Amino acid sequence: MSQGAHAATSGPAARSLPDAKDPAVKEQRVTKQRLAVSAALDELDDFVSTQELYRLLQNQGVSVSLATAYRILQSLADDGLIDVLRNADGEAVYRRCAVTGHHHHLLCRNCGKAVEVEAPAVETWAARVAAENGYTEVAHTVEIFGLCPECSAKKAAGLL
């Protein structure tokens, strides 16, 4: 979910910073902690909880408090730079997705693997249901939870 890079940054983390020239984007301070959180998200393929990201950053020697990690992740989500959803346990998890437009996710309940999916049938259904009920300016979220192929194989083998 990339946006224009802030002029003072470069590299993978730069794509997570709003374009200061865009009036719709509120200005965010570019801090070492924000850059570190953003860079860590760039390296991850799956959704991650704040606590998991915090532990990862601590293991890398990055000095960031858990409260700051929460604030940065929420700010990135509010700015539309990362996706946030609730996992099967109800915990907020975050990810920088490759797809920048509206999309949905398949999520493994065991290992957390995520697959981005576009679902035109869901979009059509949501629009039809909203229109049938007189709703306008609708939005929706669809997340599908299950076991990925690897975890399904482990379960079948009695390893899960």
C-alpha atoms as a PDB file:
ATOM      1  CA  MET A   1       0.000   0.000   0.000  1.00  0.00           C
ATOM      2  CA  SER A   2       2.476   2.519  -1.103  1.00  0.00           C
ATOM      3  CA  GLN A   3       2.200   6.241  -1.097  1.00  0.00           C
ATOM      4  CA  GLY A   4       4.654   8.840  -2.311  1.00  0.00           C
ATOM      5  CA  ALA A   5       7.877   8.943  -0.361  1.00  0.00           C
ATOM      6  CA  HIS A   6       8.748  11.758   1.996  1.00  0.00           C
ATOM      7  CA  ALA A   7      11.596  13.771   0.545  1.00  0.00           C
ATOM      8  CA  ALA A   8      13.952  13.035   3.439  1.00  0.00           C
ATOM      9  CA  THR A   9      13.823   9.259   3.086  1.00  0.00           C
ATOM     10  CA  SER A  10      14.932   6.570   0.704  1.00  0.00           C
ATOM     11  CA  GLY A  11      14.858   2.771   0.523  1.00  0.00           C
ATOM     12  CA  PRO A  12      12.039   0.324   1.227  1.00  0.00           C
ATOM     13  CA  ALA A  13      10.732   2.149   4.288  1.00  0.00           C
ATOM     14  CA  ALA A  14      10.190   5.300   2.245  1.00  0.00           C
ATOM     15  CA  ARG A  15       7.098   3.920   0.563  1.00  0.00           C
ATOM     16  CA  SER A  16       5.243   3.914   3.856  1.00  0.00           C
ATOM     17  CA  LEU A  17       5.501   7.626   4.383  1.00  0.00           C
ATOM     18  CA  PRO A  18       2.805   9.957   3.092  1.00  0.00           C
ATOM     19  CA  ASP A  19       3.527  12.474   0.371  1.00  0.00           C
ATOM     20  CA  ALA A  20       3.746  15.814   2.162  1.00  0.00           C
ATOM     21  CA  LYS A  21       2.312  17.549  -0.920  1.00  0.00           C
ATOM     22  CA  ASP A  22      -0.941  15.554  -0.736  1.00  0.00           C
ATOM     23  CA  PRO A  23      -3.451  17.747   1.175  1.00  0.00           C
ATOM     24  CA  ALA A  24      -5.581  14.715   2.064  1.00  0.00           C
ATOM     25  CA  VAL A  25      -2.715  13.165   4.033  1.00  0.00           C
ATOM     26  CA  LYS A  26      -1.931  14.572   7.452  1.00  0.00           C
ATOM     27  CA  GLU A  27       1.717  15.248   8.151  1.00  0.00           C
ATOM     28  CA  GLN A  28       3.437  12.590  10.263  1.00  0.00           C
ATOM     29  CA  ARG A  29       6.733  13.112  12.039  1.00  0.00           C
ATOM     30  CA  VAL A  30       9.410  10.931  10.517  1.00  0.00           C
ATOM     31  CA  THR A  31      11.066   9.312  13.503  1.00  0.00           C
ATOM     32  CA  LYS A  32      13.634   6.527  13.796  1.00  0.00           C
ATOM     33  CA  GLN A  33      10.930   4.387  15.411  1.00  0.00           C
ATOM     34  CA  ARG A  34       8.405   5.020  12.609  1.00  0.00           C
ATOM     35  CA  LEU A  35      11.020   4.183   9.986  1.00  0.00           C
ATOM     36  CA  ALA A  36      12.012   1.004  11.865  1.00  0.00           C
ATOM     37  CA  VAL A  37       8.391  -0.177  12.182  1.00  0.00           C
ATOM     38  CA  SER A  38       7.784   0.574   8.519  1.00  0.00           C
ATOM     39  CA  ALA A  39      10.957  -1.210   7.416  1.00  0.00           C
ATOM     40  CA  ALA A  40      10.075  -4.266   9.521  1.00  0.00           C
ATOM     41  CA  LEU A  41       6.625  -4.425   7.912  1.00  0.00           C
ATOM     42  CA  ASP A  42       8.264  -4.256   4.478  1.00  0.00           C
ATOM     43  CA  GLU A  43      10.178  -7.431   5.313  1.00  0.00           C
ATOM     44  CA  LEU A  44       7.188  -9.448   6.543  1.00  0.00           C
ATOM     45  CA  ASP A  45       4.889 -11.510   4.321  1.00  0.00           C
ATOM     46  CA  ASP A  46       2.166 -12.284   6.844  1.00  0.00           C
ATOM     47  CA  PHE A  47       0.052 -10.308   9.279  1.00  0.00           C
ATOM     48  CA  VAL A  48       1.731  -9.567  12.583  1.00  0.00           C
ATOM     49  CA  SER A  49       0.427  -8.445  15.960  1.00  0.00           C
ATOM     50  CA  THR A  50       1.874  -5.428  17.699  1.00  0.00           C
ATOM     51  CA  GLN A  51       3.505  -7.674  20.311  1.00  0.00           C
ATOM     52  CA  GLU A  52       5.099  -9.858  17.613  1.00  0.00           C
ATOM     53  CA  LEU A  53       6.417  -6.805  15.784  1.00  0.00           C
ATOM     54  CA  TYR A  54       7.682  -5.322  19.055  1.00  0.00           C
ATOM     55  CA  ARG A  55       9.609  -8.550  19.847  1.00  0.00           C
ATOM     56  CA  LEU A  56      11.052  -8.588  16.323  1.00  0.00           C
ATOM     57  CA  LEU A  57      12.231  -4.989  16.656  1.00  0.00           C
ATOM     58  CA  GLN A  58      13.723  -5.663  20.105  1.00  0.00           C
ATOM     59  CA  ASN A  59      15.607  -8.677  18.695  1.00  0.00           C
ATOM     60  CA  GLN A  60      17.014  -6.385  15.986  1.00  0.00           C
ATOM     61  CA  GLY A  61      18.211  -3.946  18.644  1.00  0.00           C
ATOM     62  CA  VAL A  62      15.665  -1.265  17.740  1.00  0.00           C
ATOM     63  CA  SER A  63      14.692   0.902  20.688  1.00  0.00           C
ATOM     64  CA  VAL A  64      10.915   1.347  20.539  1.00  0.00           C
ATOM     65  CA  SER A  65       8.381   0.985  23.317  1.00  0.00           C
ATOM     66  CA  LEU A  66       5.329  -1.226  22.961  1.00  0.00           C
ATOM     67  CA  ALA A  67       3.076   1.838  23.328  1.00  0.00           C
ATOM     68  CA  THR A  68       4.944   3.602  20.520  1.00  0.00           C
ATOM     69  CA  ALA A  69       4.662   0.529  18.306  1.00  0.00           C
ATOM     70  CA  TYR A  70       0.886   0.516  18.901  1.00  0.00           C
ATOM     71  CA  ARG A  71       0.622   4.227  18.023  1.00  0.00           C
ATOM     72  CA  ILE A  72       2.728   3.908  14.877  1.00  0.00           C
ATOM     73  CA  LEU A  73       0.810   0.888  13.595  1.00  0.00           C
ATOM     74  CA  GLN A  74      -2.521   2.605  14.227  1.00  0.00           C
ATOM     75  CA  SER A  75      -1.279   5.741  12.482  1.00  0.00           C
ATOM     76  CA  LEU A  76      -0.089   3.752   9.449  1.00  0.00           C
ATOM     77  CA  ALA A  77      -3.459   1.966   9.337  1.00  0.00           C
ATOM     78  CA  ASP A  78      -5.378   5.246   9.681  1.00  0.00           C
ATOM     79  CA  ASP A  79      -3.362   6.654   6.768  1.00  0.00           C
ATOM     80  CA  GLY A  80      -4.205   3.584   4.655  1.00  0.00           C
ATOM     81  CA  LEU A  81      -0.576   2.522   4.417  1.00  0.00           C
ATOM     82  CA  ILE A  82      -1.102  -0.887   6.007  1.00  0.00           C
ATOM     83  CA  ASP A  83      -4.025  -3.258   6.402  1.00  0.00           C
ATOM     84  CA  VAL A  84      -5.367  -4.084   9.835  1.00  0.00           C
ATOM     85  CA  LEU A  85      -7.806  -6.817  10.709  1.00  0.00           C
ATOM     86  CA  ARG A  86      -8.771  -9.024  13.601  1.00  0.00           C
ATOM     87  CA  ASN A  87      -7.411 -12.547  13.637  1.00  0.00           C
ATOM     88  CA  ALA A  88      -9.439 -15.568  14.752  1.00  0.00           C
ATOM     89  CA  ASP A  89      -8.642 -14.675  18.383  1.00  0.00           C
ATOM     90  CA  GLY A  90      -9.885 -11.096  17.933  1.00  0.00           C
ATOM     91  CA  GLU A  91      -6.402  -9.593  18.115  1.00  0.00           C
ATOM     92  CA  ALA A  92      -5.526  -6.745  15.727  1.00  0.00           C
ATOM     93  CA  VAL A  93      -2.895  -7.785  13.199  1.00  0.00           C
ATOM     94  CA  TYR A  94      -1.149  -5.632  10.608  1.00  0.00           C
ATOM     95  CA  ARG A  95       0.429  -6.081   7.193  1.00  0.00           C
ATOM     96  CA  ARG A  96       1.647  -4.018   4.285  1.00  0.00           C
ATOM     97  CA  CYS A  97      -0.181  -5.574   1.352  1.00  0.00           C
ATOM     98  CA  ALA A  98       1.055  -5.767  -2.209  1.00  0.00           C
ATOM     99  CA  VAL A  99      -2.437  -4.969  -3.480  1.00  0.00           C
ATOM    100  CA  THR A 100      -3.231  -1.294  -3.057  1.00  0.00           C
ATOM    101  CA  GLY A 101      -6.901  -1.412  -4.020  1.00  0.00           C
ATOM    102  CA  HIS A 102      -9.826  -2.978  -2.220  1.00  0.00           C
ATOM    103  CA  HIS A 103      -9.195  -6.660  -1.539  1.00  0.00           C
ATOM    104  CA  HIS A 104      -9.814  -9.446   0.938  1.00  0.00           C
ATOM    105  CA  HIS A 105      -7.682 -12.032   2.710  1.00  0.00           C
ATOM    106  CA  LEU A 106      -7.529 -15.768   3.285  1.00  0.00           C
ATOM    107  CA  LEU A 107      -5.876 -16.307   6.672  1.00  0.00           C
ATOM    108  CA  CYS A 108      -4.525 -19.507   8.196  1.00  0.00           C
ATOM    109  CA  ARG A 109      -5.816 -19.962  11.738  1.00  0.00           C
ATOM    110  CA  ASN A 110      -2.709 -21.928  12.664  1.00  0.00           C
ATOM    111  CA  CYS A 111       0.359 -20.257  11.167  1.00  0.00           C
ATOM    112  CA  GLY A 112      -1.035 -16.859  10.166  1.00  0.00           C
ATOM    113  CA  LYS A 113      -0.199 -17.181   6.463  1.00  0.00           C
ATOM    114  CA  ALA A 114      -2.184 -14.638   4.457  1.00  0.00           C
ATOM    115  CA  VAL A 115      -3.218 -14.633   0.827  1.00  0.00           C
ATOM    116  CA  GLU A 116      -4.614 -11.506  -0.805  1.00  0.00           C
ATOM    117  CA  VAL A 117      -7.651 -12.143  -2.976  1.00  0.00           C
ATOM    118  CA  GLU A 118      -9.845 -10.032  -5.161  1.00  0.00           C
ATOM    119  CA  ALA A 119     -13.447 -11.195  -5.165  1.00  0.00           C
ATOM    120  CA  PRO A 120     -15.642  -9.574  -7.815  1.00  0.00           C
ATOM    121  CA  ALA A 121     -18.567 -11.816  -6.829  1.00  0.00           C
ATOM    122  CA  VAL A 122     -18.362 -10.487  -3.255  1.00  0.00           C
ATOM    123  CA  GLU A 123     -18.278  -6.903  -4.538  1.00  0.00           C
ATOM    124  CA  THR A 124     -21.347  -7.520  -6.700  1.00  0.00           C
ATOM    125  CA  TRP A 125     -23.187  -9.236  -3.844  1.00  0.00           C
ATOM    126  CA  ALA A 126     -22.347  -6.450  -1.351  1.00  0.00           C
ATOM    127  CA  ALA A 127     -23.516  -3.743  -3.761  1.00  0.00           C
ATOM    128  CA  ARG A 128     -26.748  -5.632  -4.494  1.00  0.00           C
ATOM    129  CA  VAL A 129     -27.568  -6.269  -0.822  1.00  0.00           C
ATOM    130  CA  ALA A 130     -26.873  -2.625   0.043  1.00  0.00           C
ATOM    131  CA  ALA A 131     -29.025  -1.345  -2.834  1.00  0.00           C
ATOM    132  CA  GLU A 132     -31.881  -3.734  -1.999  1.00  0.00           C
ATOM    133  CA  ASN A 133     -31.935  -2.272   1.492  1.00  0.00           C
ATOM    134  CA  GLY A 134     -31.548   1.347   0.459  1.00  0.00           C
ATOM    135  CA  TYR A 135     -28.008   1.765   1.766  1.00  0.00           C
ATOM    136  CA  THR A 136     -25.542   4.126   0.127  1.00  0.00           C
ATOM    137  CA  GLU A 137     -21.850   4.873   0.648  1.00  0.00           C
ATOM    138  CA  VAL A 138     -21.307   1.311   1.810  1.00  0.00           C
ATOM    139  CA  ALA A 139     -18.063  -0.389   2.685  1.00  0.00           C
ATOM    140  CA  HIS A 140     -17.370  -3.962   3.701  1.00  0.00           C
ATOM    141  CA  THR A 141     -14.655  -6.242   4.963  1.00  0.00           C
ATOM    142  CA  VAL A 142     -14.436  -9.949   4.197  1.00  0.00           C
ATOM    143  CA  GLU A 143     -11.757 -12.094   5.756  1.00  0.00           C
ATOM    144  CA  ILE A 144     -11.801 -15.871   5.327  1.00  0.00           C
ATOM    145  CA  PHE A 145     -10.167 -18.004   8.016  1.00  0.00           C
ATOM    146  CA  GLY A 146      -9.108 -21.615   7.541  1.00  0.00           C
ATOM    147  CA  LEU A 147      -6.045 -23.840   7.370  1.00  0.00           C
ATOM    148  CA  CYS A 148      -3.467 -23.232   4.634  1.00  0.00           C
ATOM    149  CA  PRO A 149      -2.370 -26.237   2.547  1.00  0.00           C
ATOM    150  CA  GLU A 150       0.752 -26.797   4.673  1.00  0.00           C
ATOM    151  CA  CYS A 151      -1.160 -26.749   7.976  1.00  0.00           C
ATOM    152  CA  SER A 152      -3.910 -28.921   6.487  1.00  0.00           C
ATOM    153  CA  ALA A 153      -1.260 -31.505   5.539  1.00  0.00           C
ATOM    154  CA  LYS A 154       0.238 -31.335   9.047  1.00  0.00           C
ATOM    155  CA  LYS A 155      -3.206 -31.837  10.580  1.00  0.00           C
ATOM    156  CA  ALA A 156      -3.911 -34.816   8.304  1.00  0.00           C
ATOM    157  CA  ALA A 157      -0.585 -36.330   9.364  1.00  0.00           C
ATOM    158  CA  GLY A 158      -1.471 -35.837  13.041  1.00  0.00           C
ATOM    159  CA  LEU A 159       1.267 -33.254  13.514  1.00  0.00           C
ATOM    160  CA  LEU A 160      -1.095 -30.438  14.380  1.00  0.00           C
END
